[in-house]
Amino acid sequence: QVQLVESGGGLVQAGDSLRLSCAASGRFGSYATVWFRQARGKGRDFVAGIVWSDGSTYYDDSVKGRFTISKEDTENTVYLQMNSLKPADTAVYYCAAGEGIATPMDYWGQGTQVTVSS
């Protein structure tokens, strides 16, 4: 099975950047990897996703143009580059893997906290 481990979260100021990593213990294969986030007292929201087979990417409108999802095949790692961070981006960020972007996720990471101060 696939085990996912997120890292790279932290406390930053508005306008700063962070890069989150999601490393898999095994190969993603044909899976899609998706970043979700959950703010305090809120539901879990889609942020970005990438399909390993062809590298196609998808973004929520709230992060489009600021965040970039990418993959490193040899390291079996997915990254989320977050630029121009806003306080509204504050949340726990989770990576997950599933058959497709819009399908239920089969594997989840433990989450990493991102806090953006004003």
N, C-alpha and C. Protein backbone atom coordinates (compact mmCIF):
# COMPACT_ATOMS: atom_id res chain seq x y z
N GLN A 1 0.83 -1.17 0.00
CA GLN A 1 0.00 0.00 0.00
C GLN A 1 0.88 1.24 0.00
N VAL A 2 0.25 2.36 -0.26
CA VAL A 2 0.95 3.64 -0.34
C VAL A 2 0.85 4.34 1.01
N GLN A 3 1.99 4.76 1.53
CA GLN A 3 2.03 5.56 2.74
C GLN A 3 2.52 6.96 2.39
N LEU A 4 1.79 7.97 2.83
CA LEU A 4 2.09 9.35 2.49
C LEU A 4 2.53 10.11 3.72
N VAL A 5 3.58 10.91 3.57
CA VAL A 5 4.11 11.71 4.65
C VAL A 5 4.28 13.14 4.16
N GLU A 6 3.55 14.08 4.76
CA GLU A 6 3.66 15.49 4.40
C GLU A 6 4.71 16.18 5.25
N SER A 7 5.30 17.22 4.69
CA SER A 7 6.23 18.05 5.43
C SER A 7 6.28 19.42 4.78
N GLY A 8 6.89 20.38 5.45
CA GLY A 8 7.11 21.70 4.88
C GLY A 8 6.22 22.80 5.42
N GLY A 9 5.27 22.48 6.27
CA GLY A 9 4.42 23.50 6.84
C GLY A 9 5.18 24.37 7.82
N GLY A 10 4.54 25.46 8.23
CA GLY A 10 5.16 26.36 9.17
C GLY A 10 4.38 27.63 9.34
N LEU A 11 4.97 28.56 10.07
CA LEU A 11 4.38 29.87 10.32
C LEU A 11 5.10 30.91 9.48
N VAL A 12 4.36 31.61 8.64
CA VAL A 12 4.93 32.63 7.76
C VAL A 12 4.04 33.86 7.78
N GLN A 13 4.55 34.93 7.21
CA GLN A 13 3.79 36.16 7.07
C GLN A 13 3.10 36.22 5.72
N ALA A 14 2.06 37.01 5.64
CA ALA A 14 1.36 37.20 4.37
C ALA A 14 2.34 37.66 3.30
N GLY A 15 2.22 37.06 2.13
CA GLY A 15 3.11 37.35 1.02
C GLY A 15 4.29 36.41 0.91
N ASP A 16 4.55 35.64 1.95
CA ASP A 16 5.66 34.69 1.94
C ASP A 16 5.31 33.44 1.15
N SER A 17 6.28 32.55 1.05
CA SER A 17 6.12 31.31 0.31
C SER A 17 6.49 30.12 1.16
N LEU A 18 5.89 28.99 0.85
CA LEU A 18 6.22 27.71 1.45
C LEU A 18 6.13 26.65 0.37
N ARG A 19 6.89 25.59 0.55
CA ARG A 19 6.76 24.43 -0.31
C ARG A 19 6.47 23.21 0.53
N LEU A 20 5.33 22.62 0.29
CA LEU A 20 4.95 21.39 0.97
C LEU A 20 5.39 20.19 0.15
N SER A 21 5.76 19.13 0.85
CA SER A 21 6.16 17.89 0.20
C SER A 21 5.27 16.76 0.67
N CYS A 22 5.02 15.85 -0.22
CA CYS A 22 4.27 14.64 0.10
C CYS A 22 5.05 13.47 -0.47
N ALA A 23 5.71 12.74 0.40
CA ALA A 23 6.55 11.62 -0.02
C ALA A 23 5.81 10.31 0.19
N ALA A 24 5.88 9.45 -0.80
CA ALA A 24 5.22 8.16 -0.75
C ALA A 24 6.23 7.05 -0.48
N SER A 25 5.83 6.09 0.36
CA SER A 25 6.70 4.96 0.65
C SER A 25 6.81 4.01 -0.54
N GLY A 26 5.82 4.04 -1.40
CA GLY A 26 5.81 3.25 -2.61
C GLY A 26 5.49 4.12 -3.80
N ARG A 27 5.59 3.54 -4.98
CA ARG A 27 5.31 4.30 -6.18
C ARG A 27 3.83 4.61 -6.30
N PHE A 28 3.54 5.82 -6.78
CA PHE A 28 2.16 6.22 -6.98
C PHE A 28 1.51 5.47 -8.13
N GLY A 29 2.31 5.06 -9.08
CA GLY A 29 1.79 4.34 -10.22
C GLY A 29 0.83 5.20 -11.02
N SER A 30 -0.37 4.70 -11.24
CA SER A 30 -1.37 5.43 -12.00
C SER A 30 -2.24 6.33 -11.14
N TYR A 31 -1.88 6.50 -9.89
CA TYR A 31 -2.68 7.29 -8.96
C TYR A 31 -2.61 8.78 -9.26
N ALA A 32 -3.62 9.47 -8.80
CA ALA A 32 -3.59 10.91 -8.71
C ALA A 32 -3.28 11.29 -7.26
N THR A 33 -2.55 12.37 -7.08
CA THR A 33 -2.27 12.88 -5.76
C THR A 33 -2.91 14.25 -5.61
N VAL A 34 -3.61 14.44 -4.52
CA VAL A 34 -4.42 15.62 -4.32
C VAL A 34 -4.06 16.26 -2.98
N TRP A 35 -3.96 17.57 -2.98
CA TRP A 35 -3.80 18.34 -1.75
C TRP A 35 -5.15 18.88 -1.32
N PHE A 36 -5.48 18.64 -0.07
CA PHE A 36 -6.66 19.21 0.57
C PHE A 36 -6.20 20.09 1.72
N ARG A 37 -7.09 20.94 2.18
CA ARG A 37 -6.80 21.72 3.37
C ARG A 37 -8.06 21.86 4.21
N GLN A 38 -7.86 21.98 5.50
CA GLN A 38 -8.96 22.13 6.43
C GLN A 38 -8.61 23.21 7.44
N ALA A 39 -9.31 24.31 7.35
CA ALA A 39 -9.13 25.39 8.31
C ALA A 39 -9.87 25.07 9.60
N ARG A 40 -9.47 25.72 10.67
CA ARG A 40 -10.09 25.48 11.96
C ARG A 40 -11.58 25.75 11.90
N GLY A 41 -12.36 24.77 12.30
CA GLY A 41 -13.80 24.91 12.31
C GLY A 41 -14.45 24.82 10.95
N LYS A 42 -13.69 24.47 9.92
CA LYS A 42 -14.21 24.40 8.57
C LYS A 42 -14.13 22.97 8.03
N GLY A 43 -14.74 22.76 6.89
CA GLY A 43 -14.66 21.48 6.23
C GLY A 43 -13.38 21.33 5.44
N ARG A 44 -13.21 20.17 4.86
CA ARG A 44 -12.02 19.87 4.07
C ARG A 44 -12.25 20.30 2.62
N ASP A 45 -11.34 21.09 2.09
CA ASP A 45 -11.49 21.64 0.75
C ASP A 45 -10.38 21.17 -0.18
N PHE A 46 -10.73 20.97 -1.42
CA PHE A 46 -9.76 20.65 -2.45
C PHE A 46 -8.87 21.85 -2.73
N VAL A 47 -7.58 21.62 -2.90
CA VAL A 47 -6.63 22.67 -3.21
C VAL A 47 -6.03 22.48 -4.60
N ALA A 48 -5.41 21.35 -4.83
CA ALA A 48 -4.74 21.07 -6.09
C ALA A 48 -4.56 19.57 -6.25
N GLY A 49 -4.44 19.12 -7.48
CA GLY A 49 -4.22 17.72 -7.74
C GLY A 49 -3.36 17.52 -8.96
N ILE A 50 -2.71 16.38 -9.03
CA ILE A 50 -1.87 16.04 -10.17
C ILE A 50 -2.05 14.57 -10.49
N VAL A 51 -2.10 14.27 -11.78
CA VAL A 51 -2.22 12.89 -12.26
C VAL A 51 -0.85 12.40 -12.64
N TRP A 52 -0.42 11.30 -12.04
CA TRP A 52 0.94 10.82 -12.24
C TRP A 52 1.19 10.33 -13.66
N SER A 53 0.18 9.77 -14.29
CA SER A 53 0.39 9.18 -15.60
C SER A 53 0.76 10.20 -16.66
N ASP A 54 0.17 11.38 -16.61
CA ASP A 54 0.43 12.38 -17.65
C ASP A 54 0.83 13.75 -17.11
N GLY A 55 0.84 13.91 -15.79
CA GLY A 55 1.27 15.16 -15.20
C GLY A 55 0.25 16.28 -15.24
N SER A 56 -0.97 15.99 -15.64
CA SER A 56 -1.99 17.03 -15.68
C SER A 56 -2.29 17.54 -14.28
N THR A 57 -2.55 18.83 -14.18
CA THR A 57 -2.76 19.46 -12.88
C THR A 57 -4.09 20.16 -12.82
N TYR A 58 -4.60 20.32 -11.60
CA TYR A 58 -5.89 20.95 -11.36
C TYR A 58 -5.78 21.79 -10.10
N TYR A 59 -6.46 22.93 -10.10
CA TYR A 59 -6.38 23.85 -8.98
C TYR A 59 -7.75 24.40 -8.63
N ASP A 60 -7.94 24.63 -7.35
CA ASP A 60 -9.09 25.40 -6.93
C ASP A 60 -8.87 26.86 -7.29
N ASP A 61 -9.95 27.56 -7.59
CA ASP A 61 -9.83 28.95 -7.99
C ASP A 61 -9.17 29.82 -6.92
N SER A 62 -9.31 29.45 -5.68
CA SER A 62 -8.77 30.25 -4.60
C SER A 62 -7.24 30.27 -4.58
N VAL A 63 -6.61 29.30 -5.23
CA VAL A 63 -5.15 29.22 -5.21
C VAL A 63 -4.56 29.31 -6.61
N LYS A 64 -5.37 29.32 -7.62
CA LYS A 64 -4.89 29.34 -9.00
C LYS A 64 -4.05 30.59 -9.23
N GLY A 65 -2.88 30.40 -9.81
CA GLY A 65 -1.96 31.49 -10.04
C GLY A 65 -1.00 31.74 -8.91
N ARG A 66 -1.27 31.19 -7.74
CA ARG A 66 -0.39 31.35 -6.59
C ARG A 66 0.29 30.04 -6.20
N PHE A 67 -0.43 28.93 -6.33
CA PHE A 67 0.09 27.62 -5.95
C PHE A 67 0.43 26.82 -7.19
N THR A 68 1.44 25.98 -7.08
CA THR A 68 1.83 25.10 -8.16
C THR A 68 2.07 23.70 -7.61
N ILE A 69 1.39 22.72 -8.17
CA ILE A 69 1.61 21.34 -7.78
C ILE A 69 2.51 20.69 -8.82
N SER A 70 3.43 19.87 -8.37
CA SER A 70 4.37 19.21 -9.26
C SER A 70 4.75 17.86 -8.67
N LYS A 71 5.42 17.06 -9.47
CA LYS A 71 5.85 15.75 -9.01
C LYS A 71 7.28 15.47 -9.41
N GLU A 72 7.95 14.67 -8.62
CA GLU A 72 9.29 14.19 -8.91
C GLU A 72 9.22 12.68 -8.98
N ASP A 73 9.31 12.14 -10.18
CA ASP A 73 9.08 10.71 -10.38
C ASP A 73 10.10 9.85 -9.65
N THR A 74 11.37 10.20 -9.74
CA THR A 74 12.40 9.36 -9.15
C THR A 74 12.32 9.34 -7.63
N GLU A 75 11.89 10.42 -7.03
CA GLU A 75 11.74 10.49 -5.58
C GLU A 75 10.35 10.10 -5.11
N ASN A 76 9.44 9.91 -6.07
CA ASN A 76 8.06 9.56 -5.75
C ASN A 76 7.47 10.55 -4.76
N THR A 77 7.62 11.80 -5.09
CA THR A 77 7.21 12.88 -4.20
C THR A 77 6.40 13.91 -4.97
N VAL A 78 5.38 14.42 -4.34
CA VAL A 78 4.57 15.50 -4.88
C VAL A 78 4.81 16.75 -4.05
N TYR A 79 4.91 17.88 -4.72
CA TYR A 79 5.17 19.15 -4.06
C TYR A 79 4.01 20.11 -4.30
N LEU A 80 3.82 20.99 -3.34
CA LEU A 80 2.90 22.09 -3.50
C LEU A 80 3.65 23.37 -3.17
N GLN A 81 4.02 24.11 -4.20
CA GLN A 81 4.67 25.40 -4.03
C GLN A 81 3.61 26.45 -3.80
N MET A 82 3.66 27.12 -2.67
CA MET A 82 2.65 28.10 -2.29
C MET A 82 3.31 29.47 -2.21
N ASN A 83 2.92 30.35 -3.11
CA ASN A 83 3.44 31.71 -3.15
C ASN A 83 2.34 32.70 -2.79
N SER A 84 2.76 33.90 -2.44
CA SER A 84 1.82 34.98 -2.11
C SER A 84 0.77 34.51 -1.12
N LEU A 85 1.23 33.90 -0.06
CA LEU A 85 0.32 33.33 0.92
C LEU A 85 -0.50 34.40 1.61
N LYS A 86 -1.72 34.04 1.90
CA LYS A 86 -2.67 34.92 2.56
C LYS A 86 -3.12 34.30 3.87
N PRO A 87 -3.58 35.11 4.82
CA PRO A 87 -4.11 34.52 6.05
C PRO A 87 -5.21 33.50 5.80
N ALA A 88 -5.98 33.68 4.73
CA ALA A 88 -7.03 32.73 4.41
C ALA A 88 -6.50 31.36 4.01
N ASP A 89 -5.20 31.27 3.73
CA ASP A 89 -4.60 29.98 3.40
C ASP A 89 -4.27 29.17 4.65
N THR A 90 -4.42 29.75 5.81
CA THR A 90 -4.12 29.06 7.05
C THR A 90 -5.00 27.83 7.20
N ALA A 91 -4.39 26.68 7.36
CA ALA A 91 -5.12 25.43 7.45
C ALA A 91 -4.13 24.29 7.69
N VAL A 92 -4.68 23.14 8.01
CA VAL A 92 -3.90 21.91 7.95
C VAL A 92 -4.01 21.38 6.54
N TYR A 93 -2.87 21.12 5.93
CA TYR A 93 -2.83 20.64 4.56
C TYR A 93 -2.55 19.15 4.54
N TYR A 94 -3.37 18.42 3.80
CA TYR A 94 -3.26 16.98 3.69
C TYR A 94 -3.00 16.59 2.24
N CYS A 95 -2.14 15.63 2.04
CA CYS A 95 -2.04 15.02 0.72
C CYS A 95 -2.75 13.68 0.76
N ALA A 96 -3.30 13.32 -0.37
CA ALA A 96 -4.05 12.09 -0.49
C ALA A 96 -3.86 11.53 -1.89
N ALA A 97 -4.05 10.23 -2.02
CA ALA A 97 -3.88 9.57 -3.30
C ALA A 97 -5.11 8.74 -3.61
N GLY A 98 -5.51 8.78 -4.85
CA GLY A 98 -6.64 8.01 -5.30
C GLY A 98 -6.54 7.70 -6.77
N GLU A 99 -7.54 7.02 -7.27
CA GLU A 99 -7.53 6.62 -8.66
C GLU A 99 -7.58 7.80 -9.60
N GLY A 100 -8.26 8.86 -9.20
CA GLY A 100 -8.38 10.05 -10.01
C GLY A 100 -8.56 11.28 -9.15
N ILE A 101 -8.59 12.43 -9.79
CA ILE A 101 -8.72 13.69 -9.06
C ILE A 101 -10.05 13.78 -8.34
N ALA A 102 -11.11 13.40 -9.00
CA ALA A 102 -12.45 13.55 -8.46
C ALA A 102 -13.02 12.27 -7.88
N THR A 103 -12.18 11.30 -7.62
CA THR A 103 -12.61 10.03 -7.03
C THR A 103 -12.31 10.02 -5.54
N PRO A 104 -12.93 9.14 -4.78
CA PRO A 104 -12.57 9.03 -3.37
C PRO A 104 -11.10 8.69 -3.20
N MET A 105 -10.48 9.27 -2.20
CA MET A 105 -9.07 9.04 -1.95
C MET A 105 -8.86 7.75 -1.17
N ASP A 106 -7.87 6.97 -1.57
CA ASP A 106 -7.57 5.70 -0.94
C ASP A 106 -6.55 5.82 0.18
N TYR A 107 -5.68 6.81 0.11
CA TYR A 107 -4.62 6.98 1.09
C TYR A 107 -4.52 8.44 1.49
N TRP A 108 -4.22 8.65 2.77
CA TRP A 108 -4.11 10.01 3.31
C TRP A 108 -2.84 10.15 4.13
N GLY A 109 -2.25 11.33 4.06
CA GLY A 109 -1.15 11.67 4.93
C GLY A 109 -1.66 12.20 6.26
N GLN A 110 -0.73 12.51 7.15
CA GLN A 110 -1.09 12.94 8.50
C GLN A 110 -1.41 14.43 8.60
N GLY A 111 -1.04 15.19 7.60
CA GLY A 111 -1.29 16.61 7.59
C GLY A 111 -0.12 17.43 8.09
N THR A 112 -0.01 18.65 7.58
CA THR A 112 1.00 19.58 8.04
C THR A 112 0.37 20.96 8.16
N GLN A 113 0.67 21.65 9.25
CA GLN A 113 0.04 22.92 9.55
C GLN A 113 0.71 24.05 8.80
N VAL A 114 -0.10 24.88 8.14
CA VAL A 114 0.35 26.11 7.52
C VAL A 114 -0.38 27.27 8.19
N THR A 115 0.36 28.19 8.74
CA THR A 115 -0.21 29.36 9.39
C THR A 115 0.36 30.62 8.76
N VAL A 116 -0.51 31.49 8.29
CA VAL A 116 -0.09 32.72 7.63
C VAL A 116 -0.60 33.89 8.45
N SER A 117 0.30 34.67 8.99
CA SER A 117 -0.06 35.82 9.80
C SER A 117 -0.25 37.05 8.92
N SER A 118 -1.05 37.99 9.38
CA SER A 118 -1.32 39.20 8.63
C SER A 118 -0.29 40.26 8.93
